[in-house]
mmCIF file of all heavy atoms, coordinates in Angstrom:
data_MODEL
# 
_entry.id   MODEL 
# 
loop_
_atom_site.group_PDB 
_atom_site.id 
_atom_site.type_symbol 
_atom_site.label_atom_id 
_atom_site.label_alt_id 
_atom_site.label_comp_id 
_atom_site.label_asym_id 
_atom_site.label_entity_id 
_atom_site.label_seq_id 
_atom_site.pdbx_PDB_ins_code 
_atom_site.Cartn_x 
_atom_site.Cartn_y 
_atom_site.Cartn_z 
_atom_site.occupancy 
_atom_site.B_iso_or_equiv 
_atom_site.pdbx_formal_charge 
_atom_site.auth_seq_id 
_atom_site.auth_comp_id 
_atom_site.auth_asym_id 
_atom_site.auth_atom_id 
_atom_site.pdbx_PDB_model_num 
ATOM 1   N N   . PHE A 1 1  ? 0.833   -1.202  0.000   1.00 0.00 ? 1  PHE A N   1 
ATOM 2   C CA  . PHE A 1 1  ? 0.000   0.000   0.000   1.00 0.00 ? 1  PHE A CA  1 
ATOM 3   C C   . PHE A 1 1  ? 0.869   1.254   0.000   1.00 0.00 ? 1  PHE A C   1 
ATOM 4   O O   . PHE A 1 1  ? 0.576   2.230   -0.688  1.00 0.00 ? 1  PHE A O   1 
ATOM 5   C CB  . PHE A 1 1  ? -0.922  -0.026  1.224   1.00 0.00 ? 1  PHE A CB  1 
ATOM 6   C CG  . PHE A 1 1  ? -1.917  1.091   1.272   1.00 0.00 ? 1  PHE A CG  1 
ATOM 7   C CD1 . PHE A 1 1  ? -3.180  0.927   0.746   1.00 0.00 ? 1  PHE A CD1 1 
ATOM 8   C CD2 . PHE A 1 1  ? -1.599  2.317   1.844   1.00 0.00 ? 1  PHE A CD2 1 
ATOM 9   C CE1 . PHE A 1 1  ? -4.110  1.947   0.789   1.00 0.00 ? 1  PHE A CE1 1 
ATOM 10  C CE2 . PHE A 1 1  ? -2.510  3.351   1.885   1.00 0.00 ? 1  PHE A CE2 1 
ATOM 11  C CZ  . PHE A 1 1  ? -3.778  3.161   1.356   1.00 0.00 ? 1  PHE A CZ  1 
ATOM 12  N N   . LYS A 1 2  ? 1.954   1.220   0.779   1.00 0.00 ? 2  LYS A N   1 
ATOM 13  C CA  . LYS A 1 2  ? 2.840   2.374   0.893   1.00 0.00 ? 2  LYS A CA  1 
ATOM 14  C C   . LYS A 1 2  ? 3.643   2.586   -0.383  1.00 0.00 ? 2  LYS A C   1 
ATOM 15  O O   . LYS A 1 2  ? 3.823   3.724   -0.848  1.00 0.00 ? 2  LYS A O   1 
ATOM 16  C CB  . LYS A 1 2  ? 3.783   2.166   2.078   1.00 0.00 ? 2  LYS A CB  1 
ATOM 17  C CG  . LYS A 1 2  ? 4.699   3.328   2.389   1.00 0.00 ? 2  LYS A CG  1 
ATOM 18  C CD  . LYS A 1 2  ? 3.953   4.450   3.089   1.00 0.00 ? 2  LYS A CD  1 
ATOM 19  C CE  . LYS A 1 2  ? 4.903   5.532   3.556   1.00 0.00 ? 2  LYS A CE  1 
ATOM 20  N NZ  . LYS A 1 2  ? 4.215   6.661   4.200   1.00 0.00 ? 2  LYS A NZ  1 
ATOM 21  N N   . VAL A 1 3  ? 4.135   1.493   -0.980  1.00 0.00 ? 3  VAL A N   1 
ATOM 22  C CA  . VAL A 1 3  ? 5.038   1.595   -2.129  1.00 0.00 ? 3  VAL A CA  1 
ATOM 23  C C   . VAL A 1 3  ? 4.273   1.738   -3.436  1.00 0.00 ? 3  VAL A C   1 
ATOM 24  O O   . VAL A 1 3  ? 4.535   2.637   -4.239  1.00 0.00 ? 3  VAL A O   1 
ATOM 25  C CB  . VAL A 1 3  ? 5.970   0.365   -2.177  1.00 0.00 ? 3  VAL A CB  1 
ATOM 26  C CG1 . VAL A 1 3  ? 6.836   0.408   -3.433  1.00 0.00 ? 3  VAL A CG1 1 
ATOM 27  C CG2 . VAL A 1 3  ? 6.834   0.303   -0.927  1.00 0.00 ? 3  VAL A CG2 1 
ATOM 28  N N   . LYS A 1 4  ? 3.300   0.849   -3.653  1.00 0.00 ? 4  LYS A N   1 
ATOM 29  C CA  . LYS A 1 4  ? 2.594   0.791   -4.938  1.00 0.00 ? 4  LYS A CA  1 
ATOM 30  C C   . LYS A 1 4  ? 1.333   1.647   -4.979  1.00 0.00 ? 4  LYS A C   1 
ATOM 31  O O   . LYS A 1 4  ? 0.813   1.958   -6.051  1.00 0.00 ? 4  LYS A O   1 
ATOM 32  C CB  . LYS A 1 4  ? 2.221   -0.661  -5.251  1.00 0.00 ? 4  LYS A CB  1 
ATOM 33  C CG  . LYS A 1 4  ? 3.414   -1.567  -5.509  1.00 0.00 ? 4  LYS A CG  1 
ATOM 34  C CD  . LYS A 1 4  ? 4.046   -1.260  -6.850  1.00 0.00 ? 4  LYS A CD  1 
ATOM 35  C CE  . LYS A 1 4  ? 5.110   -2.286  -7.207  1.00 0.00 ? 4  LYS A CE  1 
ATOM 36  N NZ  . LYS A 1 4  ? 5.695   -2.030  -8.545  1.00 0.00 ? 4  LYS A NZ  1 
ATOM 37  N N   . GLY A 1 5  ? 0.794   1.992   -3.807  1.00 0.00 ? 5  GLY A N   1 
ATOM 38  C CA  . GLY A 1 5  ? -0.431  2.785   -3.788  1.00 0.00 ? 5  GLY A CA  1 
ATOM 39  C C   . GLY A 1 5  ? -1.626  1.958   -3.348  1.00 0.00 ? 5  GLY A C   1 
ATOM 40  O O   . GLY A 1 5  ? -1.640  0.722   -3.447  1.00 0.00 ? 5  GLY A O   1 
ATOM 41  N N   . GLY A 1 6  ? -2.663  2.660   -2.874  1.00 0.00 ? 6  GLY A N   1 
ATOM 42  C CA  . GLY A 1 6  ? -3.829  1.993   -2.317  1.00 0.00 ? 6  GLY A CA  1 
ATOM 43  C C   . GLY A 1 6  ? -4.600  1.171   -3.331  1.00 0.00 ? 6  GLY A C   1 
ATOM 44  O O   . GLY A 1 6  ? -5.073  0.070   -3.028  1.00 0.00 ? 6  GLY A O   1 
ATOM 45  N N   . GLU A 1 7  ? -4.735  1.673   -4.551  1.00 0.00 ? 7  GLU A N   1 
ATOM 46  C CA  . GLU A 1 7  ? -5.537  0.963   -5.546  1.00 0.00 ? 7  GLU A CA  1 
ATOM 47  C C   . GLU A 1 7  ? -4.867  -0.334  -5.982  1.00 0.00 ? 7  GLU A C   1 
ATOM 48  O O   . GLU A 1 7  ? -5.545  -1.334  -6.212  1.00 0.00 ? 7  GLU A O   1 
ATOM 49  C CB  . GLU A 1 7  ? -5.809  1.873   -6.752  1.00 0.00 ? 7  GLU A CB  1 
ATOM 50  C CG  . GLU A 1 7  ? -6.623  3.104   -6.413  1.00 0.00 ? 7  GLU A CG  1 
ATOM 51  C CD  . GLU A 1 7  ? -7.822  2.793   -5.545  1.00 0.00 ? 7  GLU A CD  1 
ATOM 52  O OE1 . GLU A 1 7  ? -8.620  1.910   -5.921  1.00 0.00 ? 7  GLU A OE1 1 
ATOM 53  O OE2 . GLU A 1 7  ? -7.970  3.413   -4.477  1.00 0.00 ? 7  GLU A OE2 1 
ATOM 54  N N   . PHE A 1 8  ? -3.542  -0.327  -6.096  1.00 0.00 ? 8  PHE A N   1 
ATOM 55  C CA  . PHE A 1 8  ? -2.829  -1.564  -6.440  1.00 0.00 ? 8  PHE A CA  1 
ATOM 56  C C   . PHE A 1 8  ? -3.040  -2.611  -5.346  1.00 0.00 ? 8  PHE A C   1 
ATOM 57  O O   . PHE A 1 8  ? -3.275  -3.794  -5.628  1.00 0.00 ? 8  PHE A O   1 
ATOM 58  C CB  . PHE A 1 8  ? -1.340  -1.284  -6.629  1.00 0.00 ? 8  PHE A CB  1 
ATOM 59  C CG  . PHE A 1 8  ? -0.532  -2.490  -7.010  1.00 0.00 ? 8  PHE A CG  1 
ATOM 60  C CD1 . PHE A 1 8  ? -0.408  -2.850  -8.337  1.00 0.00 ? 8  PHE A CD1 1 
ATOM 61  C CD2 . PHE A 1 8  ? 0.101   -3.262  -6.037  1.00 0.00 ? 8  PHE A CD2 1 
ATOM 62  C CE1 . PHE A 1 8  ? 0.336   -3.969  -8.695  1.00 0.00 ? 8  PHE A CE1 1 
ATOM 63  C CE2 . PHE A 1 8  ? 0.833   -4.382  -6.382  1.00 0.00 ? 8  PHE A CE2 1 
ATOM 64  C CZ  . PHE A 1 8  ? 0.957   -4.737  -7.715  1.00 0.00 ? 8  PHE A CZ  1 
ATOM 65  N N   . ALA A 1 9  ? -2.942  -2.177  -4.074  1.00 0.00 ? 9  ALA A N   1 
ATOM 66  C CA  . ALA A 1 9  ? -3.137  -3.103  -2.951  1.00 0.00 ? 9  ALA A CA  1 
ATOM 67  C C   . ALA A 1 9  ? -4.564  -3.644  -2.932  1.00 0.00 ? 9  ALA A C   1 
ATOM 68  O O   . ALA A 1 9  ? -4.788  -4.842  -2.698  1.00 0.00 ? 9  ALA A O   1 
ATOM 69  C CB  . ALA A 1 9  ? -2.811  -2.397  -1.631  1.00 0.00 ? 9  ALA A CB  1 
ATOM 70  N N   . LYS A 1 10 ? -5.540  -2.768  -3.203  1.00 0.00 ? 10 LYS A N   1 
ATOM 71  C CA  . LYS A 1 10 ? -6.934  -3.220  -3.223  1.00 0.00 ? 10 LYS A CA  1 
ATOM 72  C C   . LYS A 1 10 ? -7.181  -4.226  -4.343  1.00 0.00 ? 10 LYS A C   1 
ATOM 73  O O   . LYS A 1 10 ? -7.881  -5.222  -4.156  1.00 0.00 ? 10 LYS A O   1 
ATOM 74  C CB  . LYS A 1 10 ? -7.866  -2.012  -3.386  1.00 0.00 ? 10 LYS A CB  1 
ATOM 75  C CG  . LYS A 1 10 ? -7.967  -1.134  -2.158  1.00 0.00 ? 10 LYS A CG  1 
ATOM 76  C CD  . LYS A 1 10 ? -8.881  0.050   -2.414  1.00 0.00 ? 10 LYS A CD  1 
ATOM 77  C CE  . LYS A 1 10 ? -8.951  0.970   -1.211  1.00 0.00 ? 10 LYS A CE  1 
ATOM 78  N NZ  . LYS A 1 10 ? -9.809  2.148   -1.468  1.00 0.00 ? 10 LYS A NZ  1 
ATOM 79  N N   . ASP A 1 11 ? -6.597  -3.956  -5.517  1.00 0.00 ? 11 ASP A N   1 
ATOM 80  C CA  . ASP A 1 11 ? -6.750  -4.895  -6.637  1.00 0.00 ? 11 ASP A CA  1 
ATOM 81  C C   . ASP A 1 11 ? -6.134  -6.250  -6.295  1.00 0.00 ? 11 ASP A C   1 
ATOM 82  O O   . ASP A 1 11 ? -6.684  -7.301  -6.641  1.00 0.00 ? 11 ASP A O   1 
ATOM 83  C CB  . ASP A 1 11 ? -6.099  -4.331  -7.902  1.00 0.00 ? 11 ASP A CB  1 
ATOM 84  C CG  . ASP A 1 11 ? -6.886  -3.164  -8.492  1.00 0.00 ? 11 ASP A CG  1 
ATOM 85  O OD1 . ASP A 1 11 ? -8.113  -3.084  -8.250  1.00 0.00 ? 11 ASP A OD1 1 
ATOM 86  O OD2 . ASP A 1 11 ? -6.279  -2.315  -9.177  1.00 0.00 ? 11 ASP A OD2 1 
ATOM 87  N N   . LEU A 1 12 ? -4.997  -6.217  -5.603  1.00 0.00 ? 12 LEU A N   1 
ATOM 88  C CA  . LEU A 1 12 ? -4.334  -7.459  -5.216  1.00 0.00 ? 12 LEU A CA  1 
ATOM 89  C C   . LEU A 1 12 ? -5.182  -8.237  -4.209  1.00 0.00 ? 12 LEU A C   1 
ATOM 90  O O   . LEU A 1 12 ? -5.392  -9.454  -4.357  1.00 0.00 ? 12 LEU A O   1 
ATOM 91  C CB  . LEU A 1 12 ? -2.959  -7.148  -4.626  1.00 0.00 ? 12 LEU A CB  1 
ATOM 92  C CG  . LEU A 1 12 ? -2.086  -8.346  -4.245  1.00 0.00 ? 12 LEU A CG  1 
ATOM 93  C CD1 . LEU A 1 12 ? -1.810  -9.213  -5.464  1.00 0.00 ? 12 LEU A CD1 1 
ATOM 94  C CD2 . LEU A 1 12 ? -0.774  -7.873  -3.618  1.00 0.00 ? 12 LEU A CD2 1 
ATOM 95  N N   . ILE A 1 13 ? -5.691  -7.531  -3.191  1.00 0.00 ? 13 ILE A N   1 
ATOM 96  C CA  . ILE A 1 13 ? -6.532  -8.188  -2.189  1.00 0.00 ? 13 ILE A CA  1 
ATOM 97  C C   . ILE A 1 13 ? -7.818  -8.703  -2.825  1.00 0.00 ? 13 ILE A C   1 
ATOM 98  O O   . ILE A 1 13 ? -8.269  -9.829  -2.563  1.00 0.00 ? 13 ILE A O   1 
ATOM 99  C CB  . ILE A 1 13 ? -6.851  -7.217  -1.045  1.00 0.00 ? 13 ILE A CB  1 
ATOM 100 C CG1 . ILE A 1 13 ? -5.576  -6.834  -0.284  1.00 0.00 ? 13 ILE A CG1 1 
ATOM 101 C CG2 . ILE A 1 13 ? -7.854  -7.832  -0.067  1.00 0.00 ? 13 ILE A CG2 1 
ATOM 102 C CD1 . ILE A 1 13 ? -5.780  -5.732  0.736   1.00 0.00 ? 13 ILE A CD1 1 
ATOM 103 N N   . GLY A 1 14 ? -8.437  -7.872  -3.679  1.00 0.00 ? 14 GLY A N   1 
ATOM 104 C CA  . GLY A 1 14 ? -9.677  -8.267  -4.328  1.00 0.00 ? 14 GLY A CA  1 
ATOM 105 C C   . GLY A 1 14 ? -9.506  -9.468  -5.235  1.00 0.00 ? 14 GLY A C   1 
ATOM 106 O O   . GLY A 1 14 ? -10.423 -10.289 -5.375  1.00 0.00 ? 14 GLY A O   1 
ATOM 107 N N   . GLY A 1 15 ? -8.316  -9.607  -5.868  1.00 0.00 ? 15 GLY A N   1 
ATOM 108 C CA  . GLY A 1 15 ? -8.059  -10.756 -6.713  1.00 0.00 ? 15 GLY A CA  1 
ATOM 109 C C   . GLY A 1 15 ? -7.870  -12.035 -5.921  1.00 0.00 ? 15 GLY A C   1 
ATOM 110 O O   . GLY A 1 15 ? -8.184  -13.129 -6.407  1.00 0.00 ? 15 GLY A O   1 
ATOM 111 N N   . ILE A 1 16 ? -7.364  -11.916 -4.684  1.00 0.00 ? 16 ILE A N   1 
ATOM 112 C CA  . ILE A 1 16 ? -7.124  -13.092 -3.847  1.00 0.00 ? 16 ILE A CA  1 
ATOM 113 C C   . ILE A 1 16 ? -8.389  -13.489 -3.079  1.00 0.00 ? 16 ILE A C   1 
ATOM 114 O O   . ILE A 1 16 ? -8.745  -14.674 -3.009  1.00 0.00 ? 16 ILE A O   1 
ATOM 115 C CB  . ILE A 1 16 ? -5.968  -12.824 -2.872  1.00 0.00 ? 16 ILE A CB  1 
ATOM 116 C CG1 . ILE A 1 16 ? -4.674  -12.558 -3.650  1.00 0.00 ? 16 ILE A CG1 1 
ATOM 117 C CG2 . ILE A 1 16 ? -5.779  -13.998 -1.919  1.00 0.00 ? 16 ILE A CG2 1 
ATOM 118 C CD1 . ILE A 1 16 ? -3.518  -12.120 -2.784  1.00 0.00 ? 16 ILE A CD1 1 
ATOM 119 N N   . ILE A 1 17 ? -9.080  -12.501 -2.520  1.00 0.00 ? 17 ILE A N   1 
ATOM 120 C CA  . ILE A 1 17 ? -10.274 -12.762 -1.703  1.00 0.00 ? 17 ILE A CA  1 
ATOM 121 C C   . ILE A 1 17 ? -11.489 -12.196 -2.439  1.00 0.00 ? 17 ILE A C   1 
ATOM 122 O O   . ILE A 1 17 ? -11.665 -10.974 -2.519  1.00 0.00 ? 17 ILE A O   1 
ATOM 123 C CB  . ILE A 1 17 ? -10.133 -12.119 -0.306  1.00 0.00 ? 17 ILE A CB  1 
ATOM 124 C CG1 . ILE A 1 17 ? -8.812  -12.536 0.338   1.00 0.00 ? 17 ILE A CG1 1 
ATOM 125 C CG2 . ILE A 1 17 ? -11.304 -12.529 0.585   1.00 0.00 ? 17 ILE A CG2 1 
ATOM 126 C CD1 . ILE A 1 17 ? -8.521  -11.842 1.648   1.00 0.00 ? 17 ILE A CD1 1 
ATOM 127 N N   . ARG A 1 18 ? -12.327 -13.047 -2.981  1.00 0.00 ? 18 ARG A N   1 
ATOM 128 C CA  . ARG A 1 18 ? -13.433 -12.615 -3.843  1.00 0.00 ? 18 ARG A CA  1 
ATOM 129 C C   . ARG A 1 18 ? -14.426 -11.679 -3.159  1.00 0.00 ? 18 ARG A C   1 
ATOM 130 O O   . ARG A 1 18 ? -14.871 -10.710 -3.776  1.00 0.00 ? 18 ARG A O   1 
ATOM 131 C CB  . ARG A 1 18 ? -14.166 -13.841 -4.397  1.00 0.00 ? 18 ARG A CB  1 
ATOM 132 C CG  . ARG A 1 18 ? -13.344 -14.611 -5.430  1.00 0.00 ? 18 ARG A CG  1 
ATOM 133 C CD  . ARG A 1 18 ? -14.187 -15.651 -6.118  1.00 0.00 ? 18 ARG A CD  1 
ATOM 134 N NE  . ARG A 1 18 ? -15.285 -15.056 -6.864  1.00 0.00 ? 18 ARG A NE  1 
ATOM 135 C CZ  . ARG A 1 18 ? -16.219 -15.757 -7.504  1.00 0.00 ? 18 ARG A CZ  1 
ATOM 136 N NH1 . ARG A 1 18 ? -16.184 -17.067 -7.482  1.00 0.00 ? 18 ARG A NH1 1 
ATOM 137 N NH2 . ARG A 1 18 ? -17.187 -15.142 -8.147  1.00 0.00 ? 18 ARG A NH2 1 
ATOM 138 N N   . PRO A 1 19 ? -14.826 -11.929 -1.888  1.00 0.00 ? 19 PRO A N   1 
ATOM 139 C CA  . PRO A 1 19 ? -15.766 -10.982 -1.250  1.00 0.00 ? 19 PRO A CA  1 
ATOM 140 C C   . PRO A 1 19 ? -15.226 -9.554  -1.194  1.00 0.00 ? 19 PRO A C   1 
ATOM 141 O O   . PRO A 1 19 ? -15.978 -8.593  -1.376  1.00 0.00 ? 19 PRO A O   1 
ATOM 142 C CB  . PRO A 1 19 ? -15.958 -11.562 0.158   1.00 0.00 ? 19 PRO A CB  1 
ATOM 143 C CG  . PRO A 1 19 ? -15.692 -13.018 -0.008  1.00 0.00 ? 19 PRO A CG  1 
ATOM 144 C CD  . PRO A 1 19 ? -14.612 -13.106 -1.038  1.00 0.00 ? 19 PRO A CD  1 
ATOM 145 N N   . PHE A 1 20 ? -13.922 -9.410  -0.970  1.00 0.00 ? 20 PHE A N   1 
ATOM 146 C CA  . PHE A 1 20 ? -13.326 -8.076  -0.955  1.00 0.00 ? 20 PHE A CA  1 
ATOM 147 C C   . PHE A 1 20 ? -13.297 -7.477  -2.359  1.00 0.00 ? 20 PHE A C   1 
ATOM 148 O O   . PHE A 1 20 ? -13.485 -6.275  -2.534  1.00 0.00 ? 20 PHE A O   1 
ATOM 149 C CB  . PHE A 1 20 ? -11.908 -8.124  -0.375  1.00 0.00 ? 20 PHE A CB  1 
ATOM 150 C CG  . PHE A 1 20 ? -11.870 -8.236  1.115   1.00 0.00 ? 20 PHE A CG  1 
ATOM 151 C CD1 . PHE A 1 20 ? -11.641 -9.457  1.730   1.00 0.00 ? 20 PHE A CD1 1 
ATOM 152 C CD2 . PHE A 1 20 ? -12.076 -7.127  1.914   1.00 0.00 ? 20 PHE A CD2 1 
ATOM 153 C CE1 . PHE A 1 20 ? -11.617 -9.564  3.113   1.00 0.00 ? 20 PHE A CE1 1 
ATOM 154 C CE2 . PHE A 1 20 ? -12.056 -7.223  3.296   1.00 0.00 ? 20 PHE A CE2 1 
ATOM 155 C CZ  . PHE A 1 20 ? -11.828 -8.451  3.895   1.00 0.00 ? 20 PHE A CZ  1 
ATOM 156 N N   . GLY A 1 21 ? -13.060 -8.313  -3.367  1.00 0.00 ? 21 GLY A N   1 
ATOM 157 C CA  . GLY A 1 21 ? -13.103 -7.828  -4.738  1.00 0.00 ? 21 GLY A CA  1 
ATOM 158 C C   . GLY A 1 21 ? -14.471 -7.285  -5.103  1.00 0.00 ? 21 GLY A C   1 
ATOM 159 O O   . GLY A 1 21 ? -14.597 -6.223  -5.728  1.00 0.00 ? 21 GLY A O   1 
ATOM 160 N N   . SER A 1 22 ? -15.531 -7.995  -4.686  1.00 0.00 ? 22 SER A N   1 
ATOM 161 C CA  . SER A 1 22 ? -16.897 -7.533  -4.932  1.00 0.00 ? 22 SER A CA  1 
ATOM 162 C C   . SER A 1 22 ? -17.172 -6.232  -4.185  1.00 0.00 ? 22 SER A C   1 
ATOM 163 O O   . SER A 1 22 ? -17.823 -5.319  -4.718  1.00 0.00 ? 22 SER A O   1 
ATOM 164 C CB  . SER A 1 22 ? -17.887 -8.618  -4.496  1.00 0.00 ? 22 SER A CB  1 
ATOM 165 O OG  . SER A 1 22 ? -19.220 -8.179  -4.636  1.00 0.00 ? 22 SER A OG  1 
ATOM 166 N N   . LEU A 1 23 ? -16.667 -6.132  -2.957  1.00 0.00 ? 23 LEU A N   1 
ATOM 167 C CA  . LEU A 1 23 ? -16.858 -4.919  -2.161  1.00 0.00 ? 23 LEU A CA  1 
ATOM 168 C C   . LEU A 1 23 ? -16.188 -3.726  -2.825  1.00 0.00 ? 23 LEU A C   1 
ATOM 169 O O   . LEU A 1 23 ? -16.790 -2.650  -2.949  1.00 0.00 ? 23 LEU A O   1 
ATOM 170 C CB  . LEU A 1 23 ? -16.294 -5.122  -0.762  1.00 0.00 ? 23 LEU A CB  1 
ATOM 171 C CG  . LEU A 1 23 ? -16.217 -3.882  0.143   1.00 0.00 ? 23 LEU A CG  1 
ATOM 172 C CD1 . LEU A 1 23 ? -17.614 -3.339  0.414   1.00 0.00 ? 23 LEU A CD1 1 
ATOM 173 C CD2 . LEU A 1 23 ? -15.503 -4.200  1.446   1.00 0.00 ? 23 LEU A CD2 1 
ATOM 174 N N   . PHE A 1 24 ? -14.954 -3.897  -3.285  1.00 0.00 ? 24 PHE A N   1 
ATOM 175 C CA  . PHE A 1 24 ? -14.231 -2.787  -3.913  1.00 0.00 ? 24 PHE A CA  1 
ATOM 176 C C   . PHE A 1 24 ? -14.911 -2.341  -5.210  1.00 0.00 ? 24 PHE A C   1 
ATOM 177 O O   . PHE A 1 24 ? -14.919 -1.158  -5.538  1.00 0.00 ? 24 PHE A O   1 
ATOM 178 C CB  . PHE A 1 24 ? -12.782 -3.194  -4.182  1.00 0.00 ? 24 PHE A CB  1 
ATOM 179 C CG  . PHE A 1 24 ? -11.975 -3.446  -2.940  1.00 0.00 ? 24 PHE A CG  1 
ATOM 180 C CD1 . PHE A 1 24 ? -10.971 -4.409  -2.916  1.00 0.00 ? 24 PHE A CD1 1 
ATOM 181 C CD2 . PHE A 1 24 ? -12.225 -2.733  -1.777  1.00 0.00 ? 24 PHE A CD2 1 
ATOM 182 C CE1 . PHE A 1 24 ? -10.240 -4.647  -1.769  1.00 0.00 ? 24 PHE A CE1 1 
ATOM 183 C CE2 . PHE A 1 24 ? -11.499 -2.958  -0.617  1.00 0.00 ? 24 PHE A CE2 1 
ATOM 184 C CZ  . PHE A 1 24 ? -10.501 -3.919  -0.624  1.00 0.00 ? 24 PHE A CZ  1 
ATOM 185 N N   . GLN A 1 25 ? -15.500 -3.285  -5.948  1.00 0.00 ? 25 GLN A N   1 
ATOM 186 C CA  . GLN A 1 25 ? -16.218 -2.909  -7.159  1.00 0.00 ? 25 GLN A CA  1 
ATOM 187 C C   . GLN A 1 25 ? -17.475 -2.110  -6.828  1.00 0.00 ? 25 GLN A C   1 
ATOM 188 O O   . GLN A 1 25 ? -17.807 -1.139  -7.529  1.00 0.00 ? 25 GLN A O   1 
ATOM 189 C CB  . GLN A 1 25 ? -16.594 -4.171  -7.948  1.00 0.00 ? 25 GLN A CB  1 
ATOM 190 C CG  . GLN A 1 25 ? -15.406 -4.847  -8.614  1.00 0.00 ? 25 GLN A CG  1 
ATOM 191 C CD  . GLN A 1 25 ? -15.818 -6.057  -9.429  1.00 0.00 ? 25 GLN A CD  1 
ATOM 192 O OE1 . GLN A 1 25 ? -16.809 -6.030  -10.144 1.00 0.00 ? 25 GLN A OE1 1 
ATOM 193 N NE2 . GLN A 1 25 ? -15.056 -7.138  -9.320  1.00 0.00 ? 25 GLN A NE2 1 
ATOM 194 N N   . THR A 1 26 ? -18.176 -2.498  -5.765  1.00 0.00 ? 26 THR A N   1 
ATOM 195 C CA  . THR A 1 26 ? -19.364 -1.749  -5.344  1.00 0.00 ? 26 THR A CA  1 
ATOM 196 C C   . THR A 1 26 ? -18.992 -0.329  -4.930  1.00 0.00 ? 26 THR A C   1 
ATOM 197 O O   . THR A 1 26 ? -19.683 0.641   -5.267  1.00 0.00 ? 26 THR A O   1 
ATOM 198 C CB  . THR A 1 26 ? -20.062 -2.473  -4.180  1.00 0.00 ? 26 THR A CB  1 
ATOM 199 O OG1 . THR A 1 26 ? -20.409 -3.798  -4.581  1.00 0.00 ? 26 THR A OG1 1 
ATOM 200 C CG2 . THR A 1 26 ? -21.330 -1.733  -3.767  1.00 0.00 ? 26 THR A CG2 1 
ATOM 201 N N   . ILE A 1 27 ? -17.878 -0.193  -4.193  1.00 0.00 ? 27 ILE A N   1 
ATOM 202 C CA  . ILE A 1 27 ? -17.409 1.135   -3.787  1.00 0.00 ? 27 ILE A CA  1 
ATOM 203 C C   . ILE A 1 27 ? -17.068 1.975   -5.015  1.00 0.00 ? 27 ILE A C   1 
ATOM 204 O O   . ILE A 1 27 ? -17.402 3.169   -5.078  1.00 0.00 ? 27 ILE A O   1 
ATOM 205 C CB  . ILE A 1 27 ? -16.183 1.005   -2.861  1.00 0.00 ? 27 ILE A CB  1 
ATOM 206 C CG1 . ILE A 1 27 ? -16.594 0.385   -1.525  1.00 0.00 ? 27 ILE A CG1 1 
ATOM 207 C CG2 . ILE A 1 27 ? -15.538 2.367   -2.623  1.00 0.00 ? 27 ILE A CG2 1 
ATOM 208 C CD1 . ILE A 1 27 ? -15.428 0.079   -0.610  1.00 0.00 ? 27 ILE A CD1 1 
ATOM 209 N N   . SER A 1 28 ? -16.439 1.363   -6.008  1.00 0.00 ? 28 SER A N   1 
ATOM 210 C CA  . SER A 1 28 ? -16.083 2.083   -7.237  1.00 0.00 ? 28 SER A CA  1 
ATOM 211 C C   . SER A 1 28 ? -17.334 2.532   -7.981  1.00 0.00 ? 28 SER A C   1 
ATOM 212 O O   . SER A 1 28 ? -17.374 3.643   -8.531  1.00 0.00 ? 28 SER A O   1 
ATOM 213 C CB  . SER A 1 28 ? -15.218 1.197   -8.134  1.00 0.00 ? 28 SER A CB  1 
ATOM 214 O OG  . SER A 1 28 ? -13.947 0.986   -7.563  1.00 0.00 ? 28 SER A OG  1 
# 
């Protein structure tokens, strides 16, 4: 998150954990 940025970290988490990926898409 610190090095690559928040959106890169969110995309990485969302790709690994599907419920978080769905949550981030809803927020977007």
